[in-house]
Amino acid sequence: MGGAVVDTGDSGVKAPDGGWGWAVLFGCFIITGFSYAFPKAVSVFFKELIREFGVGYSDTAWISSILLAMLYGSGPICSILVNRFGCRPVMMVGGLFASLGMVMASFATNIIHIYLGTGVITGLGLALNFQPSLIMLNRYFSEKRPLANGTTKTTEVVKMGRSKPSNMNLKA
């Protein structure tokens, strides 16, 4: 049925611990920020979505719930695709899915279209970007891997800290 990827020995390729690795780290920082911040950003539109589609708060909350379920639940599918095709093609398809989902959601005429566009398709696209970004980071860093992983994980703190002053203006 399926097999696990097992590292059977030294492949002779050493992680560069710098060079292009820093560009990969920056990309992972951005991807992690979008993957964690986007589901939270949907809540900014709750009142407008409730008014536009005539649904309740709990119906609107399903948007970010479906998106997060796709983001974290599609990890096994993503790892199978990465093992079969590699990180770059999977991430490019993920970017296309995330974009397609947002464009589809912009033409929504009811809340189900938002569930499918933003929740399912954009969630899958974010997953196909987020999971391989962590793999790519580990391929470019070995000795400095803890620093690289820690830097990538601080993105949510940075983005949330930057958004707090702007959130005060939205509460009007």
N, C-alpha and C. Protein backbone atom coordinates (compact mmCIF):
# COMPACT_ATOMS: atom_id res chain seq x y z
N MET A 1 0.83 -1.17 0.00
CA MET A 1 0.00 0.00 0.00
C MET A 1 0.88 1.24 0.00
N GLY A 2 1.35 1.68 1.12
CA GLY A 2 2.22 2.84 1.18
C GLY A 2 3.48 2.48 1.93
N GLY A 3 4.51 3.22 1.70
CA GLY A 3 5.75 2.94 2.39
C GLY A 3 6.29 4.19 3.05
N ALA A 4 7.09 3.97 4.04
CA ALA A 4 7.71 5.08 4.74
C ALA A 4 9.07 5.35 4.12
N VAL A 5 9.45 6.61 4.11
CA VAL A 5 10.75 6.98 3.62
C VAL A 5 11.74 6.79 4.76
N VAL A 6 12.72 5.96 4.55
CA VAL A 6 13.70 5.65 5.57
C VAL A 6 15.07 6.11 5.09
N ASP A 7 15.75 6.88 5.92
CA ASP A 7 17.09 7.32 5.60
C ASP A 7 18.05 6.20 5.95
N THR A 8 18.59 5.53 4.94
CA THR A 8 19.41 4.34 5.16
C THR A 8 20.89 4.64 5.33
N GLY A 9 21.25 5.86 5.18
CA GLY A 9 22.67 6.16 5.34
C GLY A 9 22.99 7.57 4.89
N ASP A 10 24.26 7.89 4.89
CA ASP A 10 24.71 9.21 4.51
C ASP A 10 24.60 9.37 3.00
N SER A 11 23.86 10.39 2.58
CA SER A 11 23.67 10.59 1.14
C SER A 11 24.84 11.37 0.53
N GLY A 12 25.73 11.86 1.34
CA GLY A 12 26.87 12.61 0.84
C GLY A 12 26.56 14.08 0.63
N VAL A 13 25.33 14.47 0.83
CA VAL A 13 24.93 15.87 0.67
C VAL A 13 24.80 16.48 2.05
N LYS A 14 25.56 17.55 2.27
CA LYS A 14 25.52 18.22 3.57
C LYS A 14 24.71 19.50 3.43
N ALA A 15 23.87 19.75 4.43
CA ALA A 15 23.08 20.99 4.43
C ALA A 15 24.02 22.18 4.50
N PRO A 16 23.80 23.21 3.68
CA PRO A 16 24.74 24.32 3.61
C PRO A 16 24.81 25.21 4.85
N ASP A 17 23.75 25.22 5.71
CA ASP A 17 23.72 26.07 6.90
C ASP A 17 23.99 27.53 6.57
N GLY A 18 23.43 28.01 5.53
CA GLY A 18 23.60 29.41 5.12
C GLY A 18 23.41 29.51 3.62
N GLY A 19 23.96 30.55 3.04
CA GLY A 19 23.81 30.74 1.60
C GLY A 19 22.36 30.90 1.22
N TRP A 20 21.89 30.04 0.30
CA TRP A 20 20.49 30.08 -0.12
C TRP A 20 19.57 29.65 1.02
N GLY A 21 20.10 29.01 2.01
CA GLY A 21 19.30 28.61 3.16
C GLY A 21 18.62 29.79 3.84
N TRP A 22 19.29 30.96 3.83
CA TRP A 22 18.68 32.14 4.45
C TRP A 22 17.49 32.63 3.62
N ALA A 23 17.57 32.50 2.32
CA ALA A 23 16.42 32.85 1.47
C ALA A 23 15.26 31.88 1.71
N VAL A 24 15.58 30.60 1.88
CA VAL A 24 14.57 29.60 2.19
C VAL A 24 13.95 29.91 3.56
N LEU A 25 14.78 30.30 4.52
CA LEU A 25 14.29 30.67 5.84
C LEU A 25 13.32 31.84 5.76
N PHE A 26 13.65 32.84 4.97
CA PHE A 26 12.76 33.99 4.80
C PHE A 26 11.43 33.56 4.18
N GLY A 27 11.50 32.71 3.16
CA GLY A 27 10.29 32.19 2.54
C GLY A 27 9.44 31.40 3.52
N CYS A 28 10.07 30.57 4.34
CA CYS A 28 9.35 29.80 5.35
C CYS A 28 8.71 30.71 6.39
N PHE A 29 9.41 31.79 6.73
CA PHE A 29 8.89 32.79 7.67
C PHE A 29 7.59 33.38 7.12
N ILE A 30 7.58 33.74 5.84
CA ILE A 30 6.40 34.33 5.21
C ILE A 30 5.28 33.29 5.11
N ILE A 31 5.60 32.08 4.69
CA ILE A 31 4.59 31.03 4.55
C ILE A 31 3.95 30.69 5.90
N THR A 32 4.77 30.57 6.93
CA THR A 32 4.24 30.28 8.25
C THR A 32 3.34 31.40 8.74
N GLY A 33 3.74 32.64 8.45
CA GLY A 33 2.92 33.78 8.85
C GLY A 33 1.56 33.75 8.19
N PHE A 34 1.52 33.49 6.89
CA PHE A 34 0.24 33.42 6.19
C PHE A 34 -0.59 32.22 6.67
N SER A 35 0.06 31.09 6.88
CA SER A 35 -0.66 29.89 7.28
C SER A 35 -1.30 30.02 8.65
N TYR A 36 -0.62 30.69 9.58
CA TYR A 36 -1.17 30.86 10.92
C TYR A 36 -2.08 32.08 11.02
N ALA A 37 -1.77 33.14 10.31
CA ALA A 37 -2.52 34.38 10.47
C ALA A 37 -3.80 34.41 9.63
N PHE A 38 -3.83 33.75 8.51
CA PHE A 38 -5.00 33.84 7.63
C PHE A 38 -6.27 33.33 8.30
N PRO A 39 -6.26 32.16 8.95
CA PRO A 39 -7.50 31.73 9.62
C PRO A 39 -7.97 32.71 10.68
N LYS A 40 -7.05 33.37 11.34
CA LYS A 40 -7.43 34.36 12.36
C LYS A 40 -7.96 35.63 11.71
N ALA A 41 -7.46 35.95 10.53
CA ALA A 41 -7.89 37.17 9.84
C ALA A 41 -9.31 37.07 9.31
N VAL A 42 -9.81 35.87 9.14
CA VAL A 42 -11.18 35.69 8.66
C VAL A 42 -12.17 36.31 9.64
N SER A 43 -11.83 36.31 10.92
CA SER A 43 -12.74 36.85 11.93
C SER A 43 -12.99 38.35 11.76
N VAL A 44 -12.12 39.05 11.07
CA VAL A 44 -12.34 40.47 10.81
C VAL A 44 -13.61 40.68 9.98
N PHE A 45 -13.93 39.71 9.14
CA PHE A 45 -15.07 39.82 8.24
C PHE A 45 -16.35 39.17 8.77
N PHE A 46 -16.34 38.72 10.02
CA PHE A 46 -17.50 37.99 10.55
C PHE A 46 -18.79 38.79 10.43
N LYS A 47 -18.79 40.03 10.93
CA LYS A 47 -20.03 40.82 10.92
C LYS A 47 -20.52 41.05 9.50
N GLU A 48 -19.62 41.32 8.61
CA GLU A 48 -20.00 41.55 7.21
C GLU A 48 -20.55 40.27 6.56
N LEU A 49 -19.93 39.13 6.85
CA LEU A 49 -20.41 37.87 6.30
C LEU A 49 -21.78 37.51 6.87
N ILE A 50 -21.98 37.76 8.15
CA ILE A 50 -23.28 37.50 8.77
C ILE A 50 -24.36 38.35 8.11
N ARG A 51 -24.04 39.61 7.90
CA ARG A 51 -25.00 40.52 7.28
C ARG A 51 -25.22 40.17 5.79
N GLU A 52 -24.17 39.88 5.08
CA GLU A 52 -24.27 39.62 3.64
C GLU A 52 -25.06 38.35 3.32
N PHE A 53 -24.78 37.28 4.08
CA PHE A 53 -25.39 35.99 3.76
C PHE A 53 -26.57 35.64 4.66
N GLY A 54 -26.85 36.46 5.66
CA GLY A 54 -27.98 36.20 6.55
C GLY A 54 -27.85 34.93 7.36
N VAL A 55 -26.65 34.66 7.85
CA VAL A 55 -26.40 33.45 8.64
C VAL A 55 -25.99 33.86 10.05
N GLY A 56 -25.93 32.89 10.93
CA GLY A 56 -25.55 33.13 12.31
C GLY A 56 -24.04 33.13 12.51
N TYR A 57 -23.64 33.48 13.73
CA TYR A 57 -22.22 33.52 14.07
C TYR A 57 -21.58 32.14 13.96
N SER A 58 -22.30 31.11 14.43
CA SER A 58 -21.70 29.77 14.39
C SER A 58 -21.53 29.28 12.95
N ASP A 59 -22.45 29.65 12.06
CA ASP A 59 -22.29 29.28 10.65
C ASP A 59 -21.07 29.96 10.05
N THR A 60 -20.84 31.20 10.42
CA THR A 60 -19.69 31.94 9.91
C THR A 60 -18.38 31.41 10.50
N ALA A 61 -18.43 30.97 11.74
CA ALA A 61 -17.22 30.44 12.39
C ALA A 61 -16.72 29.16 11.72
N TRP A 62 -17.59 28.47 10.99
CA TRP A 62 -17.18 27.26 10.30
C TRP A 62 -16.13 27.54 9.24
N ILE A 63 -16.08 28.75 8.73
CA ILE A 63 -15.11 29.07 7.67
C ILE A 63 -13.69 28.82 8.17
N SER A 64 -13.33 29.45 9.30
CA SER A 64 -11.97 29.26 9.81
C SER A 64 -11.77 27.86 10.36
N SER A 65 -12.83 27.22 10.85
CA SER A 65 -12.70 25.84 11.34
C SER A 65 -12.37 24.88 10.21
N ILE A 66 -13.06 25.03 9.09
CA ILE A 66 -12.79 24.17 7.93
C ILE A 66 -11.39 24.44 7.40
N LEU A 67 -11.01 25.73 7.36
CA LEU A 67 -9.68 26.09 6.87
C LEU A 67 -8.59 25.46 7.74
N LEU A 68 -8.74 25.55 9.06
CA LEU A 68 -7.74 24.95 9.95
C LEU A 68 -7.75 23.42 9.87
N ALA A 69 -8.93 22.83 9.70
CA ALA A 69 -8.99 21.37 9.55
C ALA A 69 -8.26 20.93 8.29
N MET A 70 -8.42 21.68 7.22
CA MET A 70 -7.70 21.35 5.99
C MET A 70 -6.20 21.59 6.15
N LEU A 71 -5.84 22.67 6.82
CA LEU A 71 -4.43 23.00 7.01
C LEU A 71 -3.70 21.90 7.76
N TYR A 72 -4.29 21.43 8.85
CA TYR A 72 -3.61 20.44 9.67
C TYR A 72 -4.00 19.00 9.32
N GLY A 73 -5.19 18.79 8.81
CA GLY A 73 -5.65 17.44 8.52
C GLY A 73 -5.12 16.86 7.23
N SER A 74 -4.69 17.70 6.32
CA SER A 74 -4.19 17.19 5.05
C SER A 74 -2.68 16.96 5.06
N GLY A 75 -2.09 16.95 6.22
CA GLY A 75 -0.66 16.67 6.34
C GLY A 75 -0.22 15.35 5.75
N PRO A 76 -0.94 14.23 6.02
CA PRO A 76 -0.53 12.96 5.42
C PRO A 76 -0.58 12.97 3.89
N ILE A 77 -1.61 13.60 3.33
CA ILE A 77 -1.70 13.70 1.87
C ILE A 77 -0.53 14.51 1.34
N CYS A 78 -0.24 15.59 2.03
CA CYS A 78 0.86 16.47 1.62
C CYS A 78 2.20 15.73 1.67
N SER A 79 2.41 14.94 2.71
CA SER A 79 3.69 14.23 2.80
C SER A 79 3.82 13.18 1.71
N ILE A 80 2.72 12.54 1.33
CA ILE A 80 2.75 11.58 0.23
C ILE A 80 3.12 12.30 -1.07
N LEU A 81 2.51 13.46 -1.30
CA LEU A 81 2.80 14.23 -2.52
C LEU A 81 4.25 14.71 -2.54
N VAL A 82 4.76 15.15 -1.38
CA VAL A 82 6.16 15.61 -1.32
C VAL A 82 7.11 14.45 -1.59
N ASN A 83 6.83 13.28 -1.03
CA ASN A 83 7.69 12.12 -1.28
C ASN A 83 7.66 11.71 -2.74
N ARG A 84 6.53 11.89 -3.39
CA ARG A 84 6.41 11.46 -4.78
C ARG A 84 6.93 12.50 -5.77
N PHE A 85 6.61 13.79 -5.55
CA PHE A 85 6.92 14.82 -6.54
C PHE A 85 7.99 15.83 -6.09
N GLY A 86 8.26 15.92 -4.80
CA GLY A 86 9.22 16.89 -4.29
C GLY A 86 8.52 18.12 -3.72
N CYS A 87 9.27 18.92 -3.02
CA CYS A 87 8.70 20.08 -2.32
C CYS A 87 8.26 21.19 -3.27
N ARG A 88 9.09 21.53 -4.22
CA ARG A 88 8.79 22.69 -5.06
C ARG A 88 7.50 22.54 -5.87
N PRO A 89 7.30 21.43 -6.58
CA PRO A 89 6.03 21.31 -7.33
C PRO A 89 4.81 21.32 -6.41
N VAL A 90 4.93 20.68 -5.25
CA VAL A 90 3.79 20.65 -4.32
C VAL A 90 3.49 22.06 -3.81
N MET A 91 4.53 22.84 -3.53
CA MET A 91 4.32 24.20 -3.05
C MET A 91 3.73 25.09 -4.15
N MET A 92 4.13 24.88 -5.38
CA MET A 92 3.57 25.67 -6.47
C MET A 92 2.10 25.36 -6.67
N VAL A 93 1.72 24.10 -6.59
CA VAL A 93 0.31 23.73 -6.68
C VAL A 93 -0.45 24.30 -5.48
N GLY A 94 0.17 24.29 -4.32
CA GLY A 94 -0.46 24.88 -3.14
C GLY A 94 -0.74 26.36 -3.31
N GLY A 95 0.20 27.08 -3.89
CA GLY A 95 -0.02 28.50 -4.16
C GLY A 95 -1.17 28.73 -5.13
N LEU A 96 -1.25 27.88 -6.14
CA LEU A 96 -2.37 27.97 -7.09
C LEU A 96 -3.70 27.67 -6.42
N PHE A 97 -3.73 26.66 -5.56
CA PHE A 97 -4.97 26.33 -4.85
C PHE A 97 -5.39 27.46 -3.92
N ALA A 98 -4.44 28.01 -3.17
CA ALA A 98 -4.78 29.09 -2.25
C ALA A 98 -5.34 30.29 -3.01
N SER A 99 -4.72 30.62 -4.13
CA SER A 99 -5.20 31.74 -4.95
C SER A 99 -6.57 31.43 -5.55
N LEU A 100 -6.73 30.23 -6.09
CA LEU A 100 -7.99 29.83 -6.70
C LEU A 100 -9.12 29.86 -5.68
N GLY A 101 -8.86 29.39 -4.48
CA GLY A 101 -9.88 29.40 -3.43
C GLY A 101 -10.32 30.79 -3.06
N MET A 102 -9.38 31.73 -3.00
CA MET A 102 -9.74 33.10 -2.66
C MET A 102 -10.52 33.76 -3.79
N VAL A 103 -10.14 33.49 -5.02
CA VAL A 103 -10.88 34.06 -6.16
C VAL A 103 -12.29 33.48 -6.20
N MET A 104 -12.41 32.17 -5.96
CA MET A 104 -13.74 31.56 -5.93
C MET A 104 -14.60 32.15 -4.82
N ALA A 105 -14.01 32.37 -3.67
CA ALA A 105 -14.76 32.93 -2.53
C ALA A 105 -15.21 34.36 -2.81
N SER A 106 -14.49 35.08 -3.63
CA SER A 106 -14.88 36.46 -3.91
C SER A 106 -16.14 36.53 -4.77
N PHE A 107 -16.48 35.43 -5.45
CA PHE A 107 -17.69 35.38 -6.26
C PHE A 107 -18.82 34.63 -5.55
N ALA A 108 -18.69 34.39 -4.26
CA ALA A 108 -19.66 33.59 -3.52
C ALA A 108 -21.02 34.27 -3.45
N THR A 109 -22.06 33.46 -3.60
CA THR A 109 -23.42 33.97 -3.45
C THR A 109 -24.11 33.41 -2.21
N ASN A 110 -23.51 32.41 -1.57
CA ASN A 110 -24.00 31.94 -0.27
C ASN A 110 -22.83 31.41 0.55
N ILE A 111 -23.10 31.09 1.79
CA ILE A 111 -22.03 30.72 2.72
C ILE A 111 -21.36 29.40 2.34
N ILE A 112 -22.08 28.52 1.65
CA ILE A 112 -21.49 27.24 1.21
C ILE A 112 -20.34 27.49 0.25
N HIS A 113 -20.47 28.48 -0.61
CA HIS A 113 -19.38 28.82 -1.53
C HIS A 113 -18.15 29.29 -0.77
N ILE A 114 -18.36 30.01 0.32
CA ILE A 114 -17.23 30.45 1.16
C ILE A 114 -16.59 29.24 1.84
N TYR A 115 -17.42 28.30 2.32
CA TYR A 115 -16.88 27.08 2.92
C TYR A 115 -15.97 26.36 1.94
N LEU A 116 -16.43 26.21 0.70
CA LEU A 116 -15.65 25.48 -0.30
C LEU A 116 -14.44 26.27 -0.76
N GLY A 117 -14.64 27.55 -1.06
CA GLY A 117 -13.53 28.36 -1.58
C GLY A 117 -12.47 28.65 -0.54
N THR A 118 -12.89 29.30 0.54
CA THR A 118 -11.91 29.68 1.58
C THR A 118 -11.54 28.50 2.44
N GLY A 119 -12.53 27.74 2.89
CA GLY A 119 -12.25 26.65 3.81
C GLY A 119 -11.49 25.50 3.19
N VAL A 120 -12.07 24.90 2.17
CA VAL A 120 -11.50 23.66 1.61
C VAL A 120 -10.33 23.95 0.67
N ILE A 121 -10.58 24.76 -0.37
CA ILE A 121 -9.54 24.93 -1.40
C ILE A 121 -8.38 25.78 -0.89
N THR A 122 -8.67 26.92 -0.25
CA THR A 122 -7.58 27.73 0.28
C THR A 122 -6.87 27.00 1.42
N GLY A 123 -7.63 26.29 2.26
CA GLY A 123 -7.00 25.50 3.33
C GLY A 123 -6.06 24.44 2.80
N LEU A 124 -6.47 23.76 1.74
CA LEU A 124 -5.59 22.77 1.11
C LEU A 124 -4.37 23.44 0.51
N GLY A 125 -4.57 24.58 -0.12
CA GLY A 125 -3.44 25.32 -0.70
C GLY A 125 -2.44 25.75 0.36
N LEU A 126 -2.94 26.25 1.49
CA LEU A 126 -2.04 26.64 2.57
C LEU A 126 -1.30 25.44 3.14
N ALA A 127 -1.99 24.30 3.22
CA ALA A 127 -1.34 23.08 3.71
C ALA A 127 -0.24 22.63 2.76
N LEU A 128 -0.51 22.72 1.46
CA LEU A 128 0.49 22.31 0.48
C LEU A 128 1.67 23.27 0.43
N ASN A 129 1.55 24.42 1.06
CA ASN A 129 2.69 25.33 1.21
C ASN A 129 3.36 25.18 2.57
N PHE A 130 2.57 25.05 3.61
CA PHE A 130 3.10 25.05 4.98
C PHE A 130 3.93 23.80 5.27
N GLN A 131 3.38 22.63 5.00
CA GLN A 131 4.08 21.39 5.34
C GLN A 131 5.43 21.25 4.60
N PRO A 132 5.48 21.47 3.27
CA PRO A 132 6.78 21.36 2.59
C PRO A 132 7.77 22.44 3.01
N SER A 133 7.28 23.59 3.47
CA SER A 133 8.23 24.64 3.89
C SER A 133 9.04 24.16 5.09
N LEU A 134 8.42 23.39 5.96
CA LEU A 134 9.15 22.86 7.11
C LEU A 134 10.18 21.83 6.67
N ILE A 135 9.83 21.05 5.65
CA ILE A 135 10.77 20.05 5.13
C ILE A 135 11.95 20.76 4.45
N MET A 136 11.65 21.78 3.65
CA MET A 136 12.70 22.52 2.95
C MET A 136 13.68 23.15 3.94
N LEU A 137 13.15 23.67 5.02
CA LEU A 137 14.00 24.30 6.03
C LEU A 137 14.99 23.29 6.60
N ASN A 138 14.53 22.08 6.84
CA ASN A 138 15.41 21.05 7.39
C ASN A 138 16.44 20.55 6.38
N ARG A 139 16.19 20.74 5.10
CA ARG A 139 17.16 20.35 4.08
C ARG A 139 18.28 21.37 3.93
N TYR A 140 18.03 22.60 4.34
CA TYR A 140 19.03 23.66 4.17
C TYR A 140 19.80 23.96 5.45
N PHE A 141 19.38 23.42 6.57
CA PHE A 141 20.07 23.69 7.83
C PHE A 141 20.27 22.40 8.59
N SER A 142 21.48 22.20 9.12
CA SER A 142 21.71 21.07 10.02
C SER A 142 22.24 21.58 11.36
N GLU A 143 23.38 22.26 11.37
CA GLU A 143 23.93 22.77 12.63
C GLU A 143 23.12 23.94 13.16
N LYS A 144 22.61 24.77 12.27
CA LYS A 144 21.83 25.95 12.67
C LYS A 144 20.32 25.69 12.59
N ARG A 145 19.93 24.42 12.55
CA ARG A 145 18.52 24.07 12.43
C ARG A 145 17.67 24.59 13.59
N PRO A 146 18.12 24.51 14.84
CA PRO A 146 17.28 25.06 15.91
C PRO A 146 17.03 26.57 15.76
N LEU A 147 18.06 27.30 15.34
CA LEU A 147 17.90 28.73 15.11
C LEU A 147 16.92 28.98 13.96
N ALA A 148 17.04 28.21 12.89
CA ALA A 148 16.16 28.38 11.73
C ALA A 148 14.71 28.04 12.09
N ASN A 149 14.50 26.93 12.77
CA ASN A 149 13.13 26.57 13.17
C ASN A 149 12.54 27.57 14.14
N GLY A 150 13.33 28.03 15.09
CA GLY A 150 12.86 29.03 16.04
C GLY A 150 12.50 30.34 15.36
N THR A 151 13.33 30.75 14.41
CA THR A 151 13.05 31.99 13.68
C THR A 151 11.75 31.88 12.89
N THR A 152 11.54 30.74 12.28
CA THR A 152 10.32 30.53 11.51
C THR A 152 9.09 30.56 12.41
N LYS A 153 9.20 29.99 13.59
CA LYS A 153 8.05 29.92 14.48
C LYS A 153 7.72 31.27 15.14
N THR A 154 8.65 32.21 15.13
CA THR A 154 8.36 33.52 15.72
C THR A 154 7.49 34.38 14.83
N THR A 155 7.22 33.94 13.63
CA THR A 155 6.45 34.75 12.69
C THR A 155 5.07 35.09 13.22
N GLU A 156 4.42 34.17 13.92
CA GLU A 156 3.08 34.47 14.43
C GLU A 156 3.14 35.57 15.47
N VAL A 157 4.15 35.53 16.31
CA VAL A 157 4.30 36.57 17.33
C VAL A 157 4.55 37.92 16.67
N VAL A 158 5.39 37.95 15.65
CA VAL A 158 5.69 39.20 14.95
C VAL A 158 4.45 39.72 14.26
N LYS A 159 3.76 38.86 13.55
CA LYS A 159 2.57 39.31 12.81
C LYS A 159 1.45 39.73 13.76
N MET A 160 1.25 39.01 14.85
CA MET A 160 0.20 39.38 15.80
C MET A 160 0.57 40.68 16.51
N GLY A 161 1.83 40.86 16.84
CA GLY A 161 2.27 42.10 17.48
C GLY A 161 2.09 43.30 16.58
N ARG A 162 2.32 43.11 15.29
CA ARG A 162 2.15 44.21 14.34
C ARG A 162 0.69 44.52 14.10
N SER A 163 -0.17 43.52 14.25
CA SER A 163 -1.57 43.74 13.93
C SER A 163 -2.36 44.36 15.08
N LYS A 164 -1.84 44.34 16.29
CA LYS A 164 -2.60 44.86 17.43
C LYS A 164 -2.93 46.35 17.29
N PRO A 165 -2.00 47.22 16.92
CA PRO A 165 -2.40 48.62 16.77
C PRO A 165 -3.46 48.82 15.68
N SER A 166 -3.38 48.05 14.61
CA SER A 166 -4.37 48.21 13.55
C SER A 166 -5.72 47.65 13.97
N ASN A 167 -5.75 46.66 14.86
CA ASN A 167 -7.02 46.12 15.33
C ASN A 167 -7.80 47.13 16.16
N MET A 168 -7.09 48.02 16.83
CA MET A 168 -7.78 49.04 17.63
C MET A 168 -8.63 49.94 16.73
N ASN A 169 -8.18 50.21 15.54
CA ASN A 169 -8.92 51.06 14.61
C ASN A 169 -10.13 50.34 14.04
N LEU A 170 -10.13 49.00 14.01
CA LEU A 170 -11.22 48.24 13.43
C LEU A 170 -12.41 48.09 14.37
N LYS A 171 -12.24 48.38 15.67
CA LYS A 171 -13.29 48.16 16.63
C LYS A 171 -14.36 49.24 16.65
N ALA A 172 -14.26 50.19 15.77
CA ALA A 172 -15.20 51.32 15.77
C ALA A 172 -16.61 50.94 15.49
